[in-house]
Amino acid sequence: MRFRSTTLIIACAALPMVAGCDMQVEDGEMPDVDVSADPGQLPKYDVEKTQEGQLPSVDVDAEPGQMPQVDIQAPDVDVDTQSVSVPVPDVDVDMPKGQADAAQQQQQ
């Protein structure tokens, strides 16, 4: 509940900064989308980039704000560790003569 109220305080503090912004936005058009598919299945499609994209130009004039100071009461967490011995099997590998000689040469 404290997290939700903290988020609400931060959002309310940021509202005057956003509401007082002057922005210039260029008009554009939404793409036409036609999707026909059975429920639960996506249609097969190929994607090919036909034109380079561009981000919109945005100018923002605003007075600097200040976030409110908050106290957060987090729970104390204690973590304990234990040493555990795990039995590991002893493995002997007998390699064929040619492969054993090559392995020894690579180690040197």
Protein backbone atom coordinates (compact mmCIF):
# COMPACT_ATOMS: atom_id res chain seq x y z
CA MET A 1 0.00 0.00 0.00
CA ARG A 2 2.90 2.35 0.77
CA PHE A 3 4.34 1.75 -2.71
CA ARG A 4 1.01 2.67 -4.32
CA SER A 5 0.76 5.92 -2.32
CA THR A 6 4.38 6.78 -3.11
CA THR A 7 3.70 6.25 -6.81
CA LEU A 8 0.61 8.48 -6.57
CA ILE A 9 2.63 11.25 -4.88
CA ILE A 10 5.30 11.10 -7.57
CA ALA A 11 2.70 11.16 -10.36
CA CYS A 12 0.92 14.16 -8.82
CA ALA A 13 4.23 16.01 -8.40
CA ALA A 14 5.14 15.40 -12.06
CA LEU A 15 1.73 16.54 -13.39
CA PRO A 16 2.45 20.31 -13.26
CA MET A 17 5.74 19.79 -15.13
CA VAL A 18 4.02 17.86 -17.92
CA ALA A 19 0.95 20.13 -18.10
CA GLY A 20 3.07 23.27 -18.57
CA CYS A 21 5.11 21.90 -21.50
CA ASP A 22 4.94 23.45 -24.96
CA MET A 23 5.39 20.75 -27.60
CA GLN A 24 5.51 20.91 -31.37
CA VAL A 25 4.30 17.68 -32.95
CA GLU A 26 4.06 16.97 -36.67
CA ASP A 27 0.84 15.41 -37.99
CA GLY A 28 1.02 11.89 -39.36
CA GLU A 29 -1.18 9.01 -40.44
CA MET A 30 -1.79 5.68 -38.77
CA PRO A 31 -0.98 2.65 -40.95
CA ASP A 32 -3.74 0.46 -42.35
CA VAL A 33 -3.79 -2.92 -40.61
CA ASP A 34 -5.71 -5.96 -41.83
CA VAL A 35 -5.26 -9.15 -39.79
CA SER A 36 -7.34 -12.25 -40.26
CA ALA A 37 -6.39 -15.23 -38.15
CA ASP A 38 -7.97 -18.00 -36.17
CA PRO A 39 -8.16 -17.34 -32.42
CA GLY A 40 -4.97 -18.44 -30.70
CA GLN A 41 -2.90 -18.53 -33.89
CA LEU A 42 -0.84 -15.82 -35.53
CA PRO A 43 -0.77 -15.47 -39.30
CA LYS A 44 2.49 -16.13 -41.12
CA TYR A 45 4.09 -12.96 -42.41
CA ASP A 46 7.30 -11.56 -43.85
CA VAL A 47 8.69 -8.19 -42.76
CA GLU A 48 10.74 -6.09 -45.14
CA LYS A 49 11.92 -2.57 -44.37
CA THR A 50 10.97 -0.37 -47.31
CA GLN A 51 11.82 3.05 -45.85
CA GLU A 52 14.06 4.44 -43.10
CA GLY A 53 12.26 5.63 -39.97
CA GLN A 54 12.58 8.97 -38.20
CA LEU A 55 11.78 10.10 -34.67
CA PRO A 56 9.45 13.10 -34.28
CA SER A 57 10.93 16.51 -33.53
CA VAL A 58 9.92 17.61 -30.01
CA ASP A 59 10.77 20.87 -28.20
CA VAL A 60 10.05 21.01 -24.47
CA ASP A 61 10.20 24.20 -22.39
CA ALA A 62 9.59 23.61 -18.71
CA GLU A 63 10.76 24.84 -15.34
CA PRO A 64 12.80 22.27 -13.44
CA GLY A 65 10.84 20.49 -10.76
CA GLN A 66 11.75 18.62 -7.63
CA MET A 67 10.64 15.17 -6.63
CA PRO A 68 9.15 14.91 -3.15
CA GLN A 69 11.22 13.38 -0.39
CA VAL A 70 9.87 10.05 0.79
CA ASP A 71 10.70 7.62 3.59
CA ILE A 72 10.48 3.97 2.62
CA GLN A 73 10.12 1.36 5.34
CA ALA A 74 11.52 -1.84 3.81
CA PRO A 75 11.41 -5.16 5.66
CA ASP A 76 14.61 -6.61 7.13
CA VAL A 77 15.75 -9.71 5.28
CA ASP A 78 18.15 -12.20 6.86
CA VAL A 79 19.81 -14.72 4.56
CA ASP A 80 21.62 -17.75 5.99
CA THR A 81 23.92 -20.08 4.12
CA GLN A 82 24.98 -23.63 4.87
CA SER A 83 27.92 -25.66 3.57
CA VAL A 84 26.81 -28.90 1.96
CA SER A 85 29.01 -31.78 0.82
CA VAL A 86 27.93 -33.34 -2.45
CA PRO A 87 29.36 -36.76 -3.34
CA VAL A 88 30.95 -36.73 -6.79
CA PRO A 89 31.64 -40.01 -8.61
CA ASP A 90 35.20 -40.88 -9.61
CA VAL A 91 35.35 -41.18 -13.41
CA ASP A 92 38.16 -42.86 -15.34
CA VAL A 93 38.31 -42.25 -19.09
CA ASP A 94 40.25 -44.63 -21.32
CA MET A 95 40.87 -42.98 -24.69
CA PRO A 96 42.06 -44.82 -27.78
CA LYS A 97 45.84 -44.66 -28.32
CA GLY A 98 45.81 -42.04 -31.12
CA GLN A 99 43.41 -39.69 -29.35
CA ALA A 100 45.25 -39.99 -26.02
CA ASP A 101 48.55 -38.92 -27.64
CA ALA A 102 46.86 -35.92 -29.35
CA ALA A 103 45.25 -34.84 -26.06
CA GLN A 104 48.62 -34.96 -24.25
CA GLN A 105 50.24 -32.86 -26.98
CA GLN A 106 47.50 -30.21 -26.74
CA GLN A 107 47.96 -29.96 -22.96
CA GLN A 108 51.68 -29.27 -23.33
